Protein backbone atom coordinates (compact mmCIF):
# COMPACT_ATOMS: atom_id res chain seq x y z
CA MET A 1 137.53 143.43 122.46
CA GLY A 2 135.41 144.49 119.52
CA GLY A 3 135.93 141.08 117.90
CA TYR A 4 134.53 139.25 120.95
CA PHE A 5 131.54 141.58 121.04
CA PHE A 6 130.85 140.98 117.34
CA ALA A 7 131.11 137.19 117.80
CA LEU A 8 128.75 137.30 120.79
CA LEU A 9 126.29 139.45 118.85
CA LEU A 10 126.44 137.00 115.92
CA ILE A 11 125.72 134.06 118.26
CA ILE A 12 122.78 135.88 119.84
CA ILE A 13 121.32 136.74 116.42
CA THR A 14 121.79 133.15 115.20
CA VAL A 15 120.09 131.69 118.28
CA ALA A 16 117.28 134.24 118.05
CA LEU A 17 116.67 133.41 114.39
CA TYR A 18 116.76 129.68 115.19
CA LEU A 19 114.24 130.03 118.03
CA ARG A 20 112.06 132.25 115.86
CA GLY A 21 112.10 129.61 113.13
CA LYS A 22 111.22 126.85 115.60
CA LYS A 23 108.37 128.95 117.00
CA LYS A 24 107.04 129.57 113.49
CA THR A 25 107.26 125.86 112.65
CA THR A 26 105.43 124.93 115.85
CA LYS A 27 102.68 127.46 115.07
CA GLU A 28 102.27 126.06 111.54
CA ASN A 29 102.18 122.47 112.80
CA ILE A 30 99.59 123.30 115.48
CA GLN A 31 97.48 124.81 112.70
CA MET A 32 97.90 121.57 110.70
CA ILE A 33 96.68 119.57 113.71
CA GLU A 34 93.59 121.78 114.06
CA GLU A 35 92.84 121.39 110.35
CA ALA A 36 93.26 117.60 110.65
CA LYS A 37 90.82 117.56 113.58
CA ASN A 38 88.28 119.58 111.60
CA LEU A 39 88.60 117.19 108.65
CA GLY A 40 88.38 114.09 110.84
CA LEU A 41 91.94 113.02 110.01
CA TYR A 42 93.47 113.38 113.47
CA GLU A 43 92.19 110.19 115.08
CA PRO A 44 93.80 107.05 113.59
CA VAL A 45 91.72 104.26 112.07
CA SER A 46 94.34 101.54 112.49
CA LEU A 47 98.00 101.13 113.34
CA HIS A 48 99.67 104.47 114.08
CA PRO A 49 102.72 105.94 115.85
CA TYR A 50 102.60 107.00 119.49
CA VAL A 51 105.38 109.37 120.60
CA ASN A 52 106.62 109.29 124.19
CA GLU A 53 107.25 113.00 124.80
CA ASN A 54 109.41 112.24 127.84
CA VAL A 55 111.87 110.34 125.65
CA CYS A 56 111.65 112.22 122.32
CA ILE A 57 114.60 114.54 121.62
CA GLY A 58 113.03 116.21 118.59
CA SER A 59 115.62 115.01 116.08
CA GLY A 60 113.03 114.81 113.31
CA ALA A 61 114.39 111.47 112.07
CA CYS A 62 110.89 109.96 112.21
CA ILE A 63 109.47 112.76 110.07
CA GLU A 64 112.19 112.36 107.44
CA ALA A 65 111.76 108.58 107.37
CA CYS A 66 107.99 108.60 106.84
CA PRO A 67 107.22 108.15 103.11
CA GLU A 68 103.70 109.53 103.58
CA LYS A 69 104.76 112.97 104.89
CA ASN A 70 102.67 115.15 107.21
CA ILE A 71 101.81 112.20 109.46
CA LEU A 72 104.22 113.49 112.12
CA ALA A 73 105.44 117.01 112.88
CA ILE A 74 107.53 118.83 115.48
CA VAL A 75 105.56 120.83 118.05
CA ASN A 76 107.39 122.53 120.93
CA GLY A 77 110.52 120.52 120.22
CA ARG A 78 108.80 117.11 120.25
CA ALA A 79 107.38 114.91 117.50
CA THR A 80 103.60 114.54 117.49
CA THR A 81 101.01 112.98 115.20
CA VAL A 82 99.14 115.28 112.80
CA ASN A 83 97.23 113.26 110.19
CA ALA A 84 97.15 109.93 112.02
CA SER A 85 94.28 108.53 109.95
CA ARG A 86 96.51 108.62 106.86
CA CYS A 87 99.14 106.39 108.47
CA VAL A 88 99.68 103.19 106.49
CA GLY A 89 101.57 101.50 109.31
CA HIS A 90 104.79 100.49 107.59
CA GLY A 91 106.74 101.51 110.71
CA ALA A 92 109.52 103.57 109.10
CA CYS A 93 109.26 106.15 111.90
CA PHE A 94 109.56 103.45 114.54
CA HIS A 95 112.82 102.16 113.06
CA ALA A 96 114.25 105.62 112.41
CA CYS A 97 113.89 107.02 115.95
CA PRO A 98 117.38 107.15 117.55
CA VAL A 99 116.05 107.02 121.13
CA GLN A 100 113.17 104.54 120.68
CA ALA A 101 110.56 107.14 121.59
CA ILE A 102 108.01 105.77 119.10
CA ALA A 103 105.70 102.80 119.58
CA LEU A 104 103.09 101.49 117.14
CA TYR A 105 99.58 101.25 118.58
CA ILE A 106 96.10 100.37 117.38
CA GLY A 107 93.25 102.44 118.81
CA THR A 108 93.14 105.51 121.07
CA GLU A 109 91.16 106.70 124.09
CA LYS A 110 88.65 108.42 121.77
CA ARG A 111 88.60 105.70 119.15
CA GLY A 112 89.06 102.47 121.04
CA VAL A 113 89.71 99.17 119.31
CA ASP A 114 88.81 95.83 120.82
CA LEU A 115 91.32 93.18 119.84
CA PRO A 116 90.27 89.52 119.90
CA HIS A 117 91.96 87.25 122.42
CA VAL A 118 94.13 84.66 120.73
CA SER A 119 96.72 82.16 121.91
CA GLN A 120 100.40 82.33 120.98
CA GLU A 121 99.46 80.08 118.08
CA PHE A 122 96.86 82.65 116.85
CA GLU A 123 93.94 80.39 117.80
CA THR A 124 90.82 81.91 119.35
CA ASN A 125 88.77 80.44 122.18
CA VAL A 126 86.89 78.56 119.45
CA PRO A 127 89.05 75.53 118.60
CA GLY A 128 90.02 75.54 114.95
CA LEU A 129 89.31 79.26 114.42
CA PHE A 130 92.49 81.28 113.85
CA ILE A 131 93.06 85.03 113.41
CA ALA A 132 95.90 86.71 111.52
CA GLY A 133 96.82 90.21 110.40
CA GLU A 134 95.26 93.56 111.26
CA LEU A 135 92.16 92.03 112.85
CA GLY A 136 94.42 90.67 115.59
CA GLY A 137 96.37 93.92 115.94
CA MET A 138 99.17 93.22 113.46
CA GLY A 139 99.12 96.18 111.10
CA LEU A 140 102.58 96.16 109.51
CA ILE A 141 102.46 94.40 106.14
CA LYS A 142 105.69 92.51 106.75
CA ASN A 143 104.49 91.30 110.15
CA ALA A 144 101.00 90.48 108.86
CA VAL A 145 102.58 88.30 106.16
CA GLU A 146 104.65 86.51 108.78
CA GLN A 147 101.65 86.08 111.06
CA GLY A 148 99.53 84.64 108.25
CA LYS A 149 102.24 82.10 107.51
CA GLN A 150 102.63 81.13 111.16
CA ALA A 151 98.88 80.89 111.75
CA ALA A 152 98.59 78.51 108.79
CA SER A 153 101.50 76.42 110.10
CA TYR A 154 100.03 76.14 113.60
CA MET A 155 96.63 75.35 112.13
CA ALA A 156 98.10 72.57 110.00
CA SER A 157 99.83 71.02 113.00
CA LYS A 158 96.48 70.73 114.80
CA LEU A 159 94.37 69.86 111.77
CA LYS A 160 92.13 66.84 112.01
CA LYS A 161 92.06 65.44 108.51
CA GLY A 162 89.43 63.14 107.11
CA GLY A 163 85.69 63.33 107.44
CA ASN A 164 83.27 64.71 104.90
CA ASN A 165 84.42 68.33 104.86
CA ASP A 166 84.73 70.20 101.57
CA PHE A 167 88.07 71.67 102.62
CA ASP A 168 90.76 71.30 105.27
CA VAL A 169 90.68 75.06 105.88
CA ILE A 170 88.78 78.10 104.66
CA ILE A 171 90.74 81.37 104.64
CA ILE A 172 88.66 84.54 104.76
CA GLY A 173 90.39 87.62 103.40
CA ALA A 174 93.07 88.09 100.74
CA GLY A 175 95.14 90.91 102.16
CA PRO A 176 98.77 90.46 103.28
CA ALA A 177 97.94 87.91 106.03
CA GLY A 178 95.34 86.05 103.97
CA ILE A 179 97.58 85.70 100.91
CA SER A 180 100.47 84.50 103.07
CA ALA A 181 98.24 81.96 104.85
CA THR A 182 96.93 80.75 101.48
CA LEU A 183 100.43 80.27 100.08
CA ARG A 184 101.50 78.39 103.20
CA CYS A 185 98.48 76.08 103.01
CA ALA A 186 99.25 75.38 99.35
CA GLU A 187 102.88 74.74 100.28
CA LEU A 188 101.76 72.20 102.89
CA GLY A 189 99.50 70.45 100.40
CA LEU A 190 96.27 71.27 102.23
CA LYS A 191 92.88 71.46 100.57
CA TYR A 192 91.96 75.10 101.05
CA LYS A 193 89.49 77.75 99.90
CA THR A 194 90.26 81.46 100.12
CA VAL A 195 87.47 84.02 99.73
CA GLU A 196 87.77 87.80 99.49
CA GLN A 197 84.82 90.21 99.51
CA ASP A 198 86.62 92.62 97.16
CA THR A 199 89.80 91.90 95.26
CA ILE A 200 93.33 90.64 95.96
CA GLY A 201 95.21 92.96 98.29
CA GLY A 202 92.47 93.68 100.82
CA THR A 203 93.03 97.02 102.56
CA VAL A 204 96.20 97.63 100.53
CA TYR A 205 94.12 97.72 97.34
CA SER A 206 92.22 100.75 98.68
CA PHE A 207 95.38 102.88 98.90
CA PRO A 208 96.25 105.41 96.14
CA ARG A 209 98.44 103.99 93.37
CA SER A 210 101.65 105.82 94.27
CA LYS A 211 101.46 105.28 98.03
CA ILE A 212 104.47 103.64 99.66
CA VAL A 213 103.02 100.72 101.62
CA MET A 214 106.07 98.81 102.85
CA THR A 215 109.63 99.76 103.74
CA ALA A 216 111.18 96.42 104.72
CA PRO A 217 111.81 93.07 102.99
CA MET A 218 109.48 90.15 103.70
CA GLU A 219 109.34 86.44 102.96
CA LEU A 220 106.39 84.83 101.19
CA PRO A 221 105.72 81.07 101.41
CA ILE A 222 106.52 79.25 98.13
CA HIS A 223 107.94 82.44 96.56
CA GLY A 224 110.72 83.13 99.06
CA LYS A 225 112.27 86.44 100.10
CA VAL A 226 110.95 89.69 98.66
CA LYS A 227 113.85 92.13 98.66
CA PHE A 228 111.93 95.36 98.11
CA VAL A 229 113.21 98.18 100.32
CA GLU A 230 110.46 100.64 99.43
CA THR A 231 107.33 99.25 97.79
CA SER A 232 104.40 101.10 96.28
CA LYS A 233 100.87 99.77 96.28
CA ASP A 234 101.10 98.94 92.56
CA GLN A 235 104.35 96.99 92.98
CA LEU A 236 102.99 94.98 95.88
CA ILE A 237 99.68 94.13 94.19
CA SER A 238 101.58 93.16 91.02
CA LEU A 239 103.93 90.93 93.03
CA TRP A 240 101.07 89.14 94.78
CA SER A 241 99.21 88.67 91.50
CA ASP A 242 102.31 87.17 89.85
CA VAL A 243 102.98 84.81 92.77
CA ILE A 244 99.35 83.67 92.80
CA SER A 245 99.28 83.17 89.02
CA ASN A 246 102.68 81.46 88.73
CA ASN A 247 101.85 78.94 91.46
CA ASN A 248 98.25 78.21 90.40
CA ILE A 249 96.86 79.59 93.65
CA LYS A 250 93.08 79.96 93.67
CA ILE A 251 91.47 82.93 95.42
CA ASP A 252 87.75 83.58 95.01
CA GLU A 253 87.29 87.34 94.74
CA ASN A 254 84.04 89.27 95.20
CA GLU A 255 82.71 86.55 97.48
CA ARG A 256 81.58 88.01 100.79
CA VAL A 257 81.09 85.77 103.83
CA GLU A 258 77.68 86.02 105.48
CA THR A 259 77.87 83.52 108.36
CA ILE A 260 80.29 81.14 110.06
CA THR A 261 78.86 78.38 112.24
CA LYS A 262 80.36 75.37 113.96
CA ASP A 263 78.86 71.97 114.67
CA GLY A 264 81.23 69.71 116.58
CA ASP A 265 84.56 69.74 114.74
CA GLN A 266 83.05 71.05 111.51
CA PHE A 267 82.84 74.69 110.39
CA LYS A 268 80.21 75.80 107.91
CA VAL A 269 81.00 79.02 106.04
CA THR A 270 78.16 80.57 104.06
CA THR A 271 79.00 83.19 101.42
CA VAL A 272 76.95 85.08 98.86
CA LYS A 273 77.77 82.28 96.41
CA GLY A 274 77.30 79.12 98.48
CA SER A 275 78.06 77.13 101.65
CA TYR A 276 81.25 75.19 102.38
CA THR A 277 82.50 73.03 105.25
CA SER A 278 85.99 72.76 106.69
CA SER A 279 87.98 71.54 109.68
CA ALA A 280 89.48 74.99 110.35
CA VAL A 281 88.98 78.66 109.51
CA ILE A 282 91.57 81.44 109.32
CA LEU A 283 90.16 84.98 109.64
CA ALA A 284 92.34 87.56 107.89
CA ILE A 285 89.69 90.17 107.21
CA GLY A 286 91.40 93.34 108.42
CA ARG A 287 89.46 96.06 110.22
CA ARG A 288 87.76 98.09 107.50
CA GLY A 289 84.59 96.01 107.31
CA SER A 290 82.05 95.80 104.49
CA PRO A 291 80.32 98.75 102.78
CA ARG A 292 76.58 99.13 103.29
CA LYS A 293 75.18 98.96 99.78
CA LEU A 294 71.92 100.57 98.67
CA GLY A 295 70.50 97.56 96.86
CA VAL A 296 69.70 99.51 93.69
CA PRO A 297 70.25 98.57 90.03
CA GLY A 298 73.67 99.54 88.68
CA GLU A 299 75.50 99.72 92.01
CA GLU A 300 78.09 97.17 90.83
CA ARG A 301 79.14 99.30 87.85
CA GLU A 302 82.75 100.47 87.57
CA ASN A 303 81.84 104.11 88.20
CA VAL A 304 80.39 103.32 91.66
CA PHE A 305 83.01 103.55 94.41
CA TYR A 306 82.93 102.50 98.06
CA ARG A 307 86.36 103.99 98.76
CA LEU A 308 87.90 107.18 97.39
CA LEU A 309 90.94 105.60 95.72
CA GLU A 310 91.95 108.29 93.23
CA PRO A 311 90.13 111.60 93.90
CA GLU A 312 91.88 113.30 90.98
CA LEU A 313 90.02 111.02 88.55
CA ILE A 314 86.65 112.52 89.49
CA GLU A 315 87.76 116.14 89.77
CA ASN A 316 85.35 118.58 88.07
CA LYS A 317 82.87 115.79 87.28
CA ASN A 318 79.24 115.44 88.33
CA ILE A 319 79.17 113.05 91.29
CA LEU A 320 76.67 111.84 93.88
CA VAL A 321 77.87 111.23 97.44
CA VAL A 322 75.70 108.95 99.57
CA GLY A 323 76.38 109.04 103.31
């Protein structure tokens, strides 16, 4: 009889300690959420996970799968977002969930995002104007690459060649979708021009060096399958640079677009460096926009930053923050 009592007591103590631990974890995670709200990190800026609490079983598989850490946490036995603005959108949590309780969304009730209306061929209501990548709601790098390739293929099938245009197509943006679209256009033998307001990589370039940005293989036009399982920002930028260099692909960096107009079947794209005409335009500009510069001497120097890429590099230094 004493043995049964001891076993029952042991079970009660174990359960009590387990529940106490869960309660402590929930309290800590709620505190993390409040801190994220105070720091402006709670509301997502782009693609992010949404957890269906009615389906979630609290296994924690999504939390373990996320390379970024502290994006998701368990609160009251269910996964919830904590630092949503730090989500890169590689979708590891989505694939890891055993009960499919996670969906990937862009925008929230507080921070709404208007997505442009495009056809199944990624063409807008303006004939000849196509959209690919995050601007159209496709935030995963692998999917953005695929969408850029498909948009270029559909564009090529509708392209009206001939005339006095400078190019068959002008691609705006050199992030995942823009690079993929550029490679596909080169593969198809089209006369193209790709412009990027910053440098190759687009939004990916703004991530810290060690950040894991992709967790699934992808296929690049011309290059073929990329078999990376986990890819850091540096690896991905290096890969794109090698593919571009090895295949003589031309991308005009630091060339910001100012206006796009259309006259009949001809597009006119005006940048800070000149004006060009084309039969089609592919927009792959992401959602981060352009920085508002001050227009003062020296603002293009290497010690002037428009994104905080590596905060540790300016630690304990004299800095000026504008904005």
